[in-house]
Amino acid sequence: MEALIGLNIIEGAMLTASVAVLIQTIIMGIALRIWRPTELVACLRSWRLSSVAGAIAAVTTVLWFIAFSIMGVAQVRMLGQIEVVFSLLFSVLFFKEKVHRLELLGACLISLSLVVLVF
């Protein structure tokens, strides 16, 4: 924490997220090199497309860290569960997947918990 003294919330979040993503990239790169070298090559060949996904992921990671700096962890993690509902909606709308009752119940419970959290 002392390394972040003097940085504002956004700078601290960007630094922390960058270090976390760098560590994950190194570990995943080593794992792919050892266990799935052909997939590592495929990832490197598709760098243009994966760069877009990586940039979006980097922005969302920074936003997560900003949220953790501003609010309590429990509230941020709870609000982050809406991602599950959005993923479900996306899979239904774009991939035409069928939703089972239990999945629909789970999405409704997540949505209800967010309403309780906000109010």
PDB file of N, CA and C in Angstrom:
ATOM      1  N   MET A   1       0.819  -1.192   0.000  1.00  0.00           N
ATOM      2  CA  MET A   1       0.000   0.000   0.000  1.00  0.00           C
ATOM      3  C   MET A   1       0.860   1.251   0.000  1.00  0.00           C
ATOM      4  N   GLU A   2       2.003   1.200   0.628  1.00  0.00           N
ATOM      5  CA  GLU A   2       2.847   2.383   0.694  1.00  0.00           C
ATOM      6  C   GLU A   2       3.347   2.801  -0.673  1.00  0.00           C
ATOM      7  N   ALA A   3       3.442   1.860  -1.600  1.00  0.00           N
ATOM      8  CA  ALA A   3       3.905   2.194  -2.948  1.00  0.00           C
ATOM      9  C   ALA A   3       2.900   3.071  -3.680  1.00  0.00           C
ATOM     10  N   LEU A   4       1.647   3.071  -3.247  1.00  0.00           N
ATOM     11  CA  LEU A   4       0.605   3.847  -3.912  1.00  0.00           C
ATOM     12  C   LEU A   4       0.403   5.224  -3.294  1.00  0.00           C
ATOM     13  N   ILE A   5       1.150   5.524  -2.243  1.00  0.00           N
ATOM     14  CA  ILE A   5       1.028   6.844  -1.609  1.00  0.00           C
ATOM     15  C   ILE A   5       1.472   7.903  -2.610  1.00  0.00           C
ATOM     16  N   GLY A   6       0.684   8.946  -2.718  1.00  0.00           N
ATOM     17  CA  GLY A   6       0.994  10.022  -3.642  1.00  0.00           C
ATOM     18  C   GLY A   6       0.275   9.880  -4.974  1.00  0.00           C
ATOM     19  N   LEU A   7      -0.339   8.743  -5.210  1.00  0.00           N
ATOM     20  CA  LEU A   7      -1.097   8.542  -6.437  1.00  0.00           C
ATOM     21  C   LEU A   7      -2.574   8.769  -6.154  1.00  0.00           C
ATOM     22  N   ASN A   8      -3.281   9.344  -7.131  1.00  0.00           N
ATOM     23  CA  ASN A   8      -4.723   9.471  -6.941  1.00  0.00           C
ATOM     24  C   ASN A   8      -5.386   8.121  -7.211  1.00  0.00           C
ATOM     25  N   ILE A   9      -6.682   8.050  -7.047  1.00  0.00           N
ATOM     26  CA  ILE A   9      -7.399   6.776  -7.163  1.00  0.00           C
ATOM     27  C   ILE A   9      -7.210   6.154  -8.536  1.00  0.00           C
ATOM     28  N   ILE A  10      -7.322   6.953  -9.575  1.00  0.00           N
ATOM     29  CA  ILE A  10      -7.210   6.417 -10.934  1.00  0.00           C
ATOM     30  C   ILE A  10      -5.795   5.938 -11.216  1.00  0.00           C
ATOM     31  N   GLU A  11      -4.800   6.711 -10.837  1.00  0.00           N
ATOM     32  CA  GLU A  11      -3.404   6.293 -11.045  1.00  0.00           C
ATOM     33  C   GLU A  11      -3.087   5.013 -10.280  1.00  0.00           C
ATOM     34  N   GLY A  12      -3.539   4.948  -9.020  1.00  0.00           N
ATOM     35  CA  GLY A  12      -3.310   3.758  -8.213  1.00  0.00           C
ATOM     36  C   GLY A  12      -4.003   2.535  -8.799  1.00  0.00           C
ATOM     37  N   ALA A  13      -5.227   2.733  -9.279  1.00  0.00           N
ATOM     38  CA  ALA A  13      -5.962   1.624  -9.889  1.00  0.00           C
ATOM     39  C   ALA A  13      -5.274   1.156 -11.162  1.00  0.00           C
ATOM     40  N   MET A  14      -4.793   2.100 -11.968  1.00  0.00           N
ATOM     41  CA  MET A  14      -4.112   1.725 -13.211  1.00  0.00           C
ATOM     42  C   MET A  14      -2.808   0.989 -12.932  1.00  0.00           C
ATOM     43  N   LEU A  15      -2.069   1.449 -11.959  1.00  0.00           N
ATOM     44  CA  LEU A  15      -0.808   0.785 -11.607  1.00  0.00           C
ATOM     45  C   LEU A  15      -1.070  -0.618 -11.063  1.00  0.00           C
ATOM     46  N   THR A  16      -2.013  -0.732 -10.148  1.00  0.00           N
ATOM     47  CA  THR A  16      -2.325  -2.031  -9.560  1.00  0.00           C
ATOM     48  C   THR A  16      -2.857  -3.000 -10.612  1.00  0.00           C
ATOM     49  N   ALA A  17      -3.756  -2.524 -11.454  1.00  0.00           N
ATOM     50  CA  ALA A  17      -4.308  -3.377 -12.509  1.00  0.00           C
ATOM     51  C   ALA A  17      -3.225  -3.786 -13.497  1.00  0.00           C
ATOM     52  N   SER A  18      -2.342  -2.864 -13.838  1.00  0.00           N
ATOM     53  CA  SER A  18      -1.263  -3.189 -14.780  1.00  0.00           C
ATOM     54  C   SER A  18      -0.345  -4.268 -14.235  1.00  0.00           C
ATOM     55  N   VAL A  19       0.011  -4.155 -12.972  1.00  0.00           N
ATOM     56  CA  VAL A  19       0.878  -5.165 -12.359  1.00  0.00           C
ATOM     57  C   VAL A  19       0.159  -6.515 -12.302  1.00  0.00           C
ATOM     58  N   ALA A  20      -1.128  -6.501 -11.934  1.00  0.00           N
ATOM     59  CA  ALA A  20      -1.897  -7.752 -11.858  1.00  0.00           C
ATOM     60  C   ALA A  20      -2.005  -8.416 -13.229  1.00  0.00           C
ATOM     61  N   VAL A  21      -2.297  -7.628 -14.259  1.00  0.00           N
ATOM     62  CA  VAL A  21      -2.423  -8.184 -15.608  1.00  0.00           C
ATOM     63  C   VAL A  21      -1.072  -8.663 -16.129  1.00  0.00           C
ATOM     64  N   LEU A  22      -0.008  -7.947 -15.822  1.00  0.00           N
ATOM     65  CA  LEU A  22       1.326  -8.376 -16.232  1.00  0.00           C
ATOM     66  C   LEU A  22       1.688  -9.722 -15.610  1.00  0.00           C
ATOM     67  N   ILE A  23       1.421  -9.867 -14.327  1.00  0.00           N
ATOM     68  CA  ILE A  23       1.702 -11.141 -13.643  1.00  0.00           C
ATOM     69  C   ILE A  23       0.867 -12.267 -14.259  1.00  0.00           C
ATOM     70  N   GLN A  24      -0.414 -12.012 -14.497  1.00  0.00           N
ATOM     71  CA  GLN A  24      -1.276 -13.027 -15.110  1.00  0.00           C
ATOM     72  C   GLN A  24      -0.786 -13.399 -16.504  1.00  0.00           C
ATOM     73  N   THR A  25      -0.354 -12.412 -17.277  1.00  0.00           N
ATOM     74  CA  THR A  25       0.126 -12.659 -18.634  1.00  0.00           C
ATOM     75  C   THR A  25       1.377 -13.523 -18.627  1.00  0.00           C
ATOM     76  N   ILE A  26       2.292 -13.221 -17.733  1.00  0.00           N
ATOM     77  CA  ILE A  26       3.527 -14.004 -17.638  1.00  0.00           C
ATOM     78  C   ILE A  26       3.222 -15.445 -17.238  1.00  0.00           C
ATOM     79  N   ILE A  27       2.396 -15.617 -16.218  1.00  0.00           N
ATOM     80  CA  ILE A  27       2.060 -16.968 -15.756  1.00  0.00           C
ATOM     81  C   ILE A  27       1.325 -17.745 -16.844  1.00  0.00           C
ATOM     82  N   MET A  28       0.346 -17.102 -17.497  1.00  0.00           N
ATOM     83  CA  MET A  28      -0.402 -17.789 -18.551  1.00  0.00           C
ATOM     84  C   MET A  28       0.499 -18.088 -19.746  1.00  0.00           C
ATOM     85  N   GLY A  29       1.387 -17.167 -20.093  1.00  0.00           N
ATOM     86  CA  GLY A  29       2.323 -17.412 -21.188  1.00  0.00           C
ATOM     87  C   GLY A  29       3.229 -18.603 -20.920  1.00  0.00           C
ATOM     88  N   ILE A  30       3.737 -18.691 -19.699  1.00  0.00           N
ATOM     89  CA  ILE A  30       4.590 -19.829 -19.325  1.00  0.00           C
ATOM     90  C   ILE A  30       3.786 -21.131 -19.365  1.00  0.00           C
ATOM     91  N   ALA A  31       2.561 -21.093 -18.829  1.00  0.00           N
ATOM     92  CA  ALA A  31       1.720 -22.296 -18.825  1.00  0.00           C
ATOM     93  C   ALA A  31       1.393 -22.745 -20.246  1.00  0.00           C
ATOM     94  N   LEU A  32       1.052 -21.799 -21.112  1.00  0.00           N
ATOM     95  CA  LEU A  32       0.771 -22.157 -22.501  1.00  0.00           C
ATOM     96  C   LEU A  32       2.015 -22.702 -23.192  1.00  0.00           C
ATOM     97  N   ARG A  33       3.139 -22.106 -22.935  1.00  0.00           N
ATOM     98  CA  ARG A  33       4.398 -22.562 -23.547  1.00  0.00           C
ATOM     99  C   ARG A  33       4.716 -23.997 -23.133  1.00  0.00           C
ATOM    100  N   ILE A  34       4.430 -24.325 -21.888  1.00  0.00           N
ATOM    101  CA  ILE A  34       4.734 -25.665 -21.381  1.00  0.00           C
ATOM    102  C   ILE A  34       3.694 -26.688 -21.849  1.00  0.00           C
ATOM    103  N   TRP A  35       2.395 -26.383 -21.639  1.00  0.00           N
ATOM    104  CA  TRP A  35       1.363 -27.390 -21.850  1.00  0.00           C
ATOM    105  C   TRP A  35       0.620 -27.272 -23.173  1.00  0.00           C
ATOM    106  N   ARG A  36       0.557 -26.106 -23.764  1.00  0.00           N
ATOM    107  CA  ARG A  36      -0.196 -25.906 -25.010  1.00  0.00           C
ATOM    108  C   ARG A  36       0.549 -24.971 -25.962  1.00  0.00           C
ATOM    109  N   PRO A  37       1.728 -25.349 -26.424  1.00  0.00           N
ATOM    110  CA  PRO A  37       2.512 -24.440 -27.267  1.00  0.00           C
ATOM    111  C   PRO A  37       1.818 -24.054 -28.574  1.00  0.00           C
ATOM    112  N   THR A  38       1.010 -24.943 -29.148  1.00  0.00           N
ATOM    113  CA  THR A  38       0.314 -24.585 -30.388  1.00  0.00           C
ATOM    114  C   THR A  38      -0.736 -23.502 -30.146  1.00  0.00           C
ATOM    115  N   GLU A  39      -1.367 -23.535 -28.980  1.00  0.00           N
ATOM    116  CA  GLU A  39      -2.338 -22.493 -28.653  1.00  0.00           C
ATOM    117  C   GLU A  39      -1.661 -21.157 -28.397  1.00  0.00           C
ATOM    118  N   LEU A  40      -0.455 -21.191 -27.842  1.00  0.00           N
ATOM    119  CA  LEU A  40       0.304 -19.952 -27.652  1.00  0.00           C
ATOM    120  C   LEU A  40       0.610 -19.316 -29.002  1.00  0.00           C
ATOM    121  N   VAL A  41       1.021 -20.131 -29.961  1.00  0.00           N
ATOM    122  CA  VAL A  41       1.312 -19.630 -31.313  1.00  0.00           C
ATOM    123  C   VAL A  41       0.043 -19.062 -31.937  1.00  0.00           C
ATOM    124  N   ALA A  42      -1.079 -19.754 -31.782  1.00  0.00           N
ATOM    125  CA  ALA A  42      -2.352 -19.268 -32.325  1.00  0.00           C
ATOM    126  C   ALA A  42      -2.745 -17.928 -31.695  1.00  0.00           C
ATOM    127  N   CYS A  43      -2.515 -17.789 -30.404  1.00  0.00           N
ATOM    128  CA  CYS A  43      -2.807 -16.519 -29.720  1.00  0.00           C
ATOM    129  C   CYS A  43      -1.938 -15.391 -30.264  1.00  0.00           C
ATOM    130  N   LEU A  44      -0.674 -15.687 -30.468  1.00  0.00           N
ATOM    131  CA  LEU A  44       0.239 -14.664 -30.971  1.00  0.00           C
ATOM    132  C   LEU A  44      -0.089 -14.277 -32.410  1.00  0.00           C
ATOM    133  N   ARG A  45      -0.551 -15.223 -33.201  1.00  0.00           N
ATOM    134  CA  ARG A  45      -0.917 -14.924 -34.588  1.00  0.00           C
ATOM    135  C   ARG A  45      -2.169 -14.059 -34.678  1.00  0.00           C
ATOM    136  N   SER A  46      -3.065 -14.182 -33.725  1.00  0.00           N
ATOM    137  CA  SER A  46      -4.309 -13.401 -33.770  1.00  0.00           C
ATOM    138  C   SER A  46      -4.214 -12.165 -32.881  1.00  0.00           C
ATOM    139  N   TRP A  47      -3.063 -11.542 -32.851  1.00  0.00           N
ATOM    140  CA  TRP A  47      -2.822 -10.438 -31.932  1.00  0.00           C
ATOM    141  C   TRP A  47      -3.723  -9.235 -32.208  1.00  0.00           C
ATOM    142  N   ARG A  48      -4.099  -8.996 -33.467  1.00  0.00           N
ATOM    143  CA  ARG A  48      -4.948  -7.828 -33.757  1.00  0.00           C
ATOM    144  C   ARG A  48      -6.314  -7.957 -33.087  1.00  0.00           C
ATOM    145  N   LEU A  49      -6.945  -9.098 -33.301  1.00  0.00           N
ATOM    146  CA  LEU A  49      -8.266  -9.319 -32.718  1.00  0.00           C
ATOM    147  C   LEU A  49      -8.186  -9.428 -31.196  1.00  0.00           C
ATOM    148  N   SER A  50      -7.202 -10.136 -30.711  1.00  0.00           N
ATOM    149  CA  SER A  50      -7.097 -10.304 -29.265  1.00  0.00           C
ATOM    150  C   SER A  50      -6.690  -9.010 -28.569  1.00  0.00           C
ATOM    151  N   SER A  51      -6.066  -8.096 -29.292  1.00  0.00           N
ATOM    152  CA  SER A  51      -5.714  -6.795 -28.704  1.00  0.00           C
ATOM    153  C   SER A  51      -6.958  -5.991 -28.356  1.00  0.00           C
ATOM    154  N   VAL A  52      -7.987  -6.101 -29.187  1.00  0.00           N
ATOM    155  CA  VAL A  52      -9.247  -5.398 -28.900  1.00  0.00           C
ATOM    156  C   VAL A  52      -9.864  -5.952 -27.621  1.00  0.00           C
ATOM    157  N   ALA A  53      -9.948  -7.276 -27.544  1.00  0.00           N
ATOM    158  CA  ALA A  53     -10.492  -7.902 -26.337  1.00  0.00           C
ATOM    159  C   ALA A  53      -9.624  -7.569 -25.131  1.00  0.00           C
ATOM    160  N   GLY A  54      -8.312  -7.559 -25.307  1.00  0.00           N
ATOM    161  CA  GLY A  54      -7.401  -7.230 -24.222  1.00  0.00           C
ATOM    162  C   GLY A  54      -7.562  -5.798 -23.742  1.00  0.00           C
ATOM    163  N   ALA A  55      -7.761  -4.882 -24.681  1.00  0.00           N
ATOM    164  CA  ALA A  55      -7.947  -3.474 -24.311  1.00  0.00           C
ATOM    165  C   ALA A  55      -9.234  -3.289 -23.513  1.00  0.00           C
ATOM    166  N   ILE A  56     -10.295  -3.946 -23.951  1.00  0.00           N
ATOM    167  CA  ILE A  56     -11.562  -3.863 -23.221  1.00  0.00           C
ATOM    168  C   ILE A  56     -11.403  -4.469 -21.833  1.00  0.00           C
ATOM    169  N   ALA A  57     -10.733  -5.607 -21.757  1.00  0.00           N
ATOM    170  CA  ALA A  57     -10.505  -6.243 -20.459  1.00  0.00           C
ATOM    171  C   ALA A  57      -9.652  -5.361 -19.551  1.00  0.00           C
ATOM    172  N   ALA A  58      -8.659  -4.687 -20.118  1.00  0.00           N
ATOM    173  CA  ALA A  58      -7.805  -3.808 -19.317  1.00  0.00           C
ATOM    174  C   ALA A  58      -8.602  -2.640 -18.734  1.00  0.00           C
ATOM    175  N   VAL A  59      -9.460  -2.058 -19.552  1.00  0.00           N
ATOM    176  CA  VAL A  59     -10.289  -0.944 -19.065  1.00  0.00           C
ATOM    177  C   VAL A  59     -11.213  -1.420 -17.948  1.00  0.00           C
ATOM    178  N   THR A  60     -11.848  -2.577 -18.143  1.00  0.00           N
ATOM    179  CA  THR A  60     -12.753  -3.061 -17.099  1.00  0.00           C
ATOM    180  C   THR A  60     -11.993  -3.419 -15.822  1.00  0.00           C
ATOM    181  N   THR A  61     -10.773  -3.922 -15.961  1.00  0.00           N
ATOM    182  CA  THR A  61      -9.967  -4.221 -14.773  1.00  0.00           C
ATOM    183  C   THR A  61      -9.645  -2.952 -14.004  1.00  0.00           C
ATOM    184  N   VAL A  62      -9.271  -1.901 -14.717  1.00  0.00           N
ATOM    185  CA  VAL A  62      -8.992  -0.615 -14.059  1.00  0.00           C
ATOM    186  C   VAL A  62     -10.252  -0.109 -13.361  1.00  0.00           C
ATOM    187  N   LEU A  63     -11.393  -0.231 -14.023  1.00  0.00           N
ATOM    188  CA  LEU A  63     -12.638   0.219 -13.409  1.00  0.00           C
ATOM    189  C   LEU A  63     -12.973  -0.581 -12.153  1.00  0.00           C
ATOM    190  N   TRP A  64     -12.679  -1.893 -12.174  1.00  0.00           N
ATOM    191  CA  TRP A  64     -12.865  -2.709 -10.968  1.00  0.00           C
ATOM    192  C   TRP A  64     -12.014  -2.166  -9.823  1.00  0.00           C
ATOM    193  N   PHE A  65     -10.744  -1.894 -10.109  1.00  0.00           N
ATOM    194  CA  PHE A  65      -9.855  -1.417  -9.060  1.00  0.00           C
ATOM    195  C   PHE A  65     -10.259  -0.028  -8.562  1.00  0.00           C
ATOM    196  N   ILE A  66     -10.752   0.816  -9.458  1.00  0.00           N
ATOM    197  CA  ILE A  66     -11.259   2.124  -9.027  1.00  0.00           C
ATOM    198  C   ILE A  66     -12.450   1.923  -8.090  1.00  0.00           C
ATOM    199  N   ALA A  67     -13.355   1.038  -8.485  1.00  0.00           N
ATOM    200  CA  ALA A  67     -14.535   0.771  -7.647  1.00  0.00           C
ATOM    201  C   ALA A  67     -14.118   0.235  -6.284  1.00  0.00           C
ATOM    202  N   PHE A  68     -13.132  -0.657  -6.253  1.00  0.00           N
ATOM    203  CA  PHE A  68     -12.658  -1.194  -4.972  1.00  0.00           C
ATOM    204  C   PHE A  68     -12.022  -0.092  -4.117  1.00  0.00           C
ATOM    205  N   SER A  69     -11.452   0.921  -4.744  1.00  0.00           N
ATOM    206  CA  SER A  69     -10.848   2.031  -3.998  1.00  0.00           C
ATOM    207  C   SER A  69     -11.899   2.962  -3.417  1.00  0.00           C
ATOM    208  N   ILE A  70     -13.030   3.066  -4.086  1.00  0.00           N
ATOM    209  CA  ILE A  70     -14.063   4.008  -3.677  1.00  0.00           C
ATOM    210  C   ILE A  70     -15.051   3.386  -2.697  1.00  0.00           C
ATOM    211  N   MET A  71     -15.449   2.149  -2.974  1.00  0.00           N
ATOM    212  CA  MET A  71     -16.493   1.480  -2.196  1.00  0.00           C
ATOM    213  C   MET A  71     -15.919   0.279  -1.464  1.00  0.00           C
ATOM    214  N   GLY A  72     -16.731  -0.315  -0.637  1.00  0.00           N
ATOM    215  CA  GLY A  72     -16.335  -1.539   0.044  1.00  0.00           C
ATOM    216  C   GLY A  72     -16.310  -2.713  -0.923  1.00  0.00           C
ATOM    217  N   VAL A  73     -15.488  -3.670  -0.619  1.00  0.00           N
ATOM    218  CA  VAL A  73     -15.321  -4.834  -1.489  1.00  0.00           C
ATOM    219  C   VAL A  73     -16.641  -5.588  -1.662  1.00  0.00           C
ATOM    220  N   ALA A  74     -17.391  -5.759  -0.597  1.00  0.00           N
ATOM    221  CA  ALA A  74     -18.638  -6.528  -0.669  1.00  0.00           C
ATOM    222  C   ALA A  74     -19.622  -5.900  -1.653  1.00  0.00           C
ATOM    223  N   GLN A  75     -19.763  -4.581  -1.591  1.00  0.00           N
ATOM    224  CA  GLN A  75     -20.693  -3.908  -2.498  1.00  0.00           C
ATOM    225  C   GLN A  75     -20.244  -4.023  -3.952  1.00  0.00           C
ATOM    226  N   VAL A  76     -18.963  -3.866  -4.194  1.00  0.00           N
ATOM    227  CA  VAL A  76     -18.442  -3.930  -5.564  1.00  0.00           C
ATOM    228  C   VAL A  76     -18.600  -5.337  -6.124  1.00  0.00           C
ATOM    229  N   ARG A  77     -18.249  -6.341  -5.337  1.00  0.00           N
ATOM    230  CA  ARG A  77     -18.384  -7.723  -5.800  1.00  0.00           C
ATOM    231  C   ARG A  77     -19.847  -8.063  -6.061  1.00  0.00           C
ATOM    232  N   MET A  78     -20.726  -7.592  -5.199  1.00  0.00           N
ATOM    233  CA  MET A  78     -22.150  -7.856  -5.387  1.00  0.00           C
ATOM    234  C   MET A  78     -22.647  -7.215  -6.675  1.00  0.00           C
ATOM    235  N   LEU A  79     -22.295  -5.973  -6.885  1.00  0.00           N
ATOM    236  CA  LEU A  79     -22.714  -5.284  -8.106  1.00  0.00           C
ATOM    237  C   LEU A  79     -22.107  -5.950  -9.337  1.00  0.00           C
ATOM    238  N   GLY A  80     -20.918  -6.489  -9.198  1.00  0.00           N
ATOM    239  CA  GLY A  80     -20.254  -7.172 -10.303  1.00  0.00           C
ATOM    240  C   GLY A  80     -20.982  -8.429 -10.744  1.00  0.00           C
ATOM    241  N   GLN A  81     -21.864  -8.951  -9.919  1.00  0.00           N
ATOM    242  CA  GLN A  81     -22.607 -10.157 -10.295  1.00  0.00           C
ATOM    243  C   GLN A  81     -23.596  -9.898 -11.424  1.00  0.00           C
ATOM    244  N   ILE A  82     -23.882  -8.640 -11.697  1.00  0.00           N
ATOM    245  CA  ILE A  82     -24.771  -8.324 -12.817  1.00  0.00           C
ATOM    246  C   ILE A  82     -24.155  -8.808 -14.130  1.00  0.00           C
ATOM    247  N   GLU A  83     -22.847  -9.009 -14.118  1.00  0.00           N
ATOM    248  CA  GLU A  83     -22.139  -9.546 -15.276  1.00  0.00           C
ATOM    249  C   GLU A  83     -22.724 -10.912 -15.675  1.00  0.00           C
ATOM    250  N   VAL A  84     -23.119 -11.700 -14.711  1.00  0.00           N
ATOM    251  CA  VAL A  84     -23.715 -13.012 -14.985  1.00  0.00           C
ATOM    252  C   VAL A  84     -25.036 -12.846 -15.726  1.00  0.00           C
ATOM    253  N   VAL A  85     -25.838 -11.890 -15.289  1.00  0.00           N
ATOM    254  CA  VAL A  85     -27.124 -11.639 -15.940  1.00  0.00           C
ATOM    255  C   VAL A  85     -26.901 -11.149 -17.370  1.00  0.00           C
ATOM    256  N   PHE A  86     -25.957 -10.227 -17.558  1.00  0.00           N
ATOM    257  CA  PHE A  86     -25.663  -9.732 -18.903  1.00  0.00           C
ATOM    258  C   PHE A  86     -25.141 -10.843 -19.806  1.00  0.00           C
ATOM    259  N   SER A  87     -24.320 -11.721 -19.272  1.00  0.00           N
ATOM    260  CA  SER A  87     -23.810 -12.846 -20.060  1.00  0.00           C
ATOM    261  C   SER A  87     -24.940 -13.768 -20.484  1.00  0.00           C
ATOM    262  N   LEU A  88     -25.874 -14.000 -19.574  1.00  0.00           N
ATOM    263  CA  LEU A  88     -27.034 -14.832 -19.887  1.00  0.00           C
ATOM    264  C   LEU A  88     -27.874 -14.184 -20.985  1.00  0.00           C
ATOM    265  N   LEU A  89     -28.140 -12.895 -20.843  1.00  0.00           N
ATOM    266  CA  LEU A  89     -28.904 -12.180 -21.872  1.00  0.00           C
ATOM    267  C   LEU A  89     -28.193 -12.214 -23.222  1.00  0.00           C
ATOM    268  N   PHE A  90     -26.894 -11.998 -23.211  1.00  0.00           N
ATOM    269  CA  PHE A  90     -26.105 -12.014 -24.441  1.00  0.00           C
ATOM    270  C   PHE A  90     -26.188 -13.377 -25.121  1.00  0.00           C
ATOM    271  N   SER A  91     -26.052 -14.437 -24.343  1.00  0.00           N
ATOM    272  CA  SER A  91     -26.084 -15.781 -24.924  1.00  0.00           C
ATOM    273  C   SER A  91     -27.461 -16.107 -25.494  1.00  0.00           C
ATOM    274  N   VAL A  92     -28.512 -15.592 -24.877  1.00  0.00           N
ATOM    275  CA  VAL A  92     -29.868 -15.835 -25.388  1.00  0.00           C
ATOM    276  C   VAL A  92     -30.110 -15.021 -26.658  1.00  0.00           C
ATOM    277  N   LEU A  93     -29.747 -13.742 -26.629  1.00  0.00           N
ATOM    278  CA  LEU A  93     -30.032 -12.862 -27.763  1.00  0.00           C
ATOM    279  C   LEU A  93     -29.155 -13.141 -28.983  1.00  0.00           C
ATOM    280  N   PHE A  94     -27.882 -13.409 -28.768  1.00  0.00           N
ATOM    281  CA  PHE A  94     -26.963 -13.551 -29.898  1.00  0.00           C
ATOM    282  C   PHE A  94     -26.682 -14.996 -30.292  1.00  0.00           C
ATOM    283  N   PHE A  95     -26.680 -15.905 -29.325  1.00  0.00           N
ATOM    284  CA  PHE A  95     -26.380 -17.305 -29.624  1.00  0.00           C
ATOM    285  C   PHE A  95     -27.622 -18.179 -29.606  1.00  0.00           C
ATOM    286  N   LYS A  96     -28.778 -17.564 -29.305  1.00  0.00           N
ATOM    287  CA  LYS A  96     -30.062 -18.268 -29.286  1.00  0.00           C
ATOM    288  C   LYS A  96     -30.062 -19.489 -28.364  1.00  0.00           C
ATOM    289  N   GLU A  97     -29.338 -19.373 -27.249  1.00  0.00           N
ATOM    290  CA  GLU A  97     -29.318 -20.461 -26.275  1.00  0.00           C
ATOM    291  C   GLU A  97     -30.620 -20.470 -25.487  1.00  0.00           C
ATOM    292  N   LYS A  98     -31.018 -21.654 -25.080  1.00  0.00           N
ATOM    293  CA  LYS A  98     -32.225 -21.786 -24.269  1.00  0.00           C
ATOM    294  C   LYS A  98     -31.857 -21.650 -22.798  1.00  0.00           C
ATOM    295  N   VAL A  99     -32.698 -20.951 -22.069  1.00  0.00           N
ATOM    296  CA  VAL A  99     -32.470 -20.737 -20.641  1.00  0.00           C
ATOM    297  C   VAL A  99     -33.354 -21.700 -19.859  1.00  0.00           C
ATOM    298  N   HIS A 100     -32.741 -22.403 -18.940  1.00  0.00           N
ATOM    299  CA  HIS A 100     -33.494 -23.307 -18.079  1.00  0.00           C
ATOM    300  C   HIS A 100     -34.094 -22.507 -16.919  1.00  0.00           C
ATOM    301  N   ARG A 101     -35.088 -23.054 -16.314  1.00  0.00           N
ATOM    302  CA  ARG A 101     -35.781 -22.357 -15.214  1.00  0.00           C
ATOM    303  C   ARG A 101     -34.841 -22.006 -14.065  1.00  0.00           C
ATOM    304  N   LEU A 102     -33.943 -22.913 -13.749  1.00  0.00           N
ATOM    305  CA  LEU A 102     -33.019 -22.664 -12.641  1.00  0.00           C
ATOM    306  C   LEU A 102     -32.083 -21.501 -12.963  1.00  0.00           C
ATOM    307  N   GLU A 103     -31.642 -21.415 -14.222  1.00  0.00           N
ATOM    308  CA  GLU A 103     -30.793 -20.284 -14.632  1.00  0.00           C
ATOM    309  C   GLU A 103     -31.574 -18.978 -14.566  1.00  0.00           C
ATOM    310  N   LEU A 104     -32.807 -19.015 -15.010  1.00  0.00           N
ATOM    311  CA  LEU A 104     -33.657 -17.827 -14.952  1.00  0.00           C
ATOM    312  C   LEU A 104     -33.907 -17.407 -13.506  1.00  0.00           C
ATOM    313  N   LEU A 105     -34.126 -18.378 -12.633  1.00  0.00           N
ATOM    314  CA  LEU A 105     -34.299 -18.081 -11.211  1.00  0.00           C
ATOM    315  C   LEU A 105     -33.038 -17.435 -10.638  1.00  0.00           C
ATOM    316  N   GLY A 106     -31.876 -17.972 -11.005  1.00  0.00           N
ATOM    317  CA  GLY A 106     -30.615 -17.398 -10.543  1.00  0.00           C
ATOM    318  C   GLY A 106     -30.437 -15.960 -11.004  1.00  0.00           C
ATOM    319  N   ALA A 107     -30.756 -15.688 -12.272  1.00  0.00           N
ATOM    320  CA  ALA A 107     -30.656 -14.325 -12.796  1.00  0.00           C
ATOM    321  C   ALA A 107     -31.608 -13.392 -12.069  1.00  0.00           C
ATOM    322  N   CYS A 108     -32.806 -13.881 -11.770  1.00  0.00           N
ATOM    323  CA  CYS A 108     -33.780 -13.060 -11.029  1.00  0.00           C
ATOM    324  C   CYS A 108     -33.293 -12.782  -9.608  1.00  0.00           C
ATOM    325  N   LEU A 109     -32.711 -13.775  -8.955  1.00  0.00           N
ATOM    326  CA  LEU A 109     -32.199 -13.574  -7.599  1.00  0.00           C
ATOM    327  C   LEU A 109     -31.031 -12.589  -7.583  1.00  0.00           C
ATOM    328  N   ILE A 110     -30.162 -12.688  -8.575  1.00  0.00           N
ATOM    329  CA  ILE A 110     -29.051 -11.730  -8.673  1.00  0.00           C
ATOM    330  C   ILE A 110     -29.603 -10.326  -8.860  1.00  0.00           C
ATOM    331  N   SER A 111     -30.567 -10.182  -9.761  1.00  0.00           N
ATOM    332  CA  SER A 111     -31.164  -8.865 -10.009  1.00  0.00           C
ATOM    333  C   SER A 111     -31.845  -8.325  -8.756  1.00  0.00           C
ATOM    334  N   LEU A 112     -32.563  -9.183  -8.051  1.00  0.00           N
ATOM    335  CA  LEU A 112     -33.228  -8.769  -6.804  1.00  0.00           C
ATOM    336  C   LEU A 112     -32.201  -8.336  -5.762  1.00  0.00           C
ATOM    337  N   SER A 113     -31.110  -9.072  -5.657  1.00  0.00           N
ATOM    338  CA  SER A 113     -30.087  -8.710  -4.671  1.00  0.00           C
ATOM    339  C   SER A 113     -29.465  -7.354  -5.004  1.00  0.00           C
ATOM    340  N   LEU A 114     -29.378  -7.033  -6.280  1.00  0.00           N
ATOM    341  CA  LEU A 114     -28.828  -5.725  -6.649  1.00  0.00           C
ATOM    342  C   LEU A 114     -29.806  -4.604  -6.303  1.00  0.00           C
ATOM    343  N   VAL A 115     -31.070  -4.868  -6.465  1.00  0.00           N
ATOM    344  CA  VAL A 115     -32.085  -3.878  -6.079  1.00  0.00           C
ATOM    345  C   VAL A 115     -32.002  -3.623  -4.572  1.00  0.00           C
ATOM    346  N   VAL A 116     -31.863  -4.693  -3.793  1.00  0.00           N
ATOM    347  CA  VAL A 116     -31.733  -4.563  -2.338  1.00  0.00           C
ATOM    348  C   VAL A 116     -30.456  -3.797  -1.994  1.00  0.00           C
ATOM    349  N   LEU A 117     -29.371  -4.066  -2.712  1.00  0.00           N
ATOM    350  CA  LEU A 117     -28.091  -3.389  -2.462  1.00  0.00           C
ATOM    351  C   LEU A 117     -28.205  -1.885  -2.727  1.00  0.00           C
ATOM    352  N   VAL A 118     -28.847  -1.536  -3.810  1.00  0.00           N
ATOM    353  CA  VAL A 118     -28.942  -0.119  -4.195  1.00  0.00           C
ATOM    354  C   VAL A 118     -29.883   0.654  -3.275  1.00  0.00           C
ATOM    355  N   PHE A 119     -30.987   0.022  -2.863  1.00  0.00           N
ATOM    356  CA  PHE A 119     -31.958   0.717  -2.032  1.00  0.00           C
ATOM    357  C   PHE A 119     -31.810   0.236  -0.633  1.00  0.00           C
TER     358      PHE A 119
END
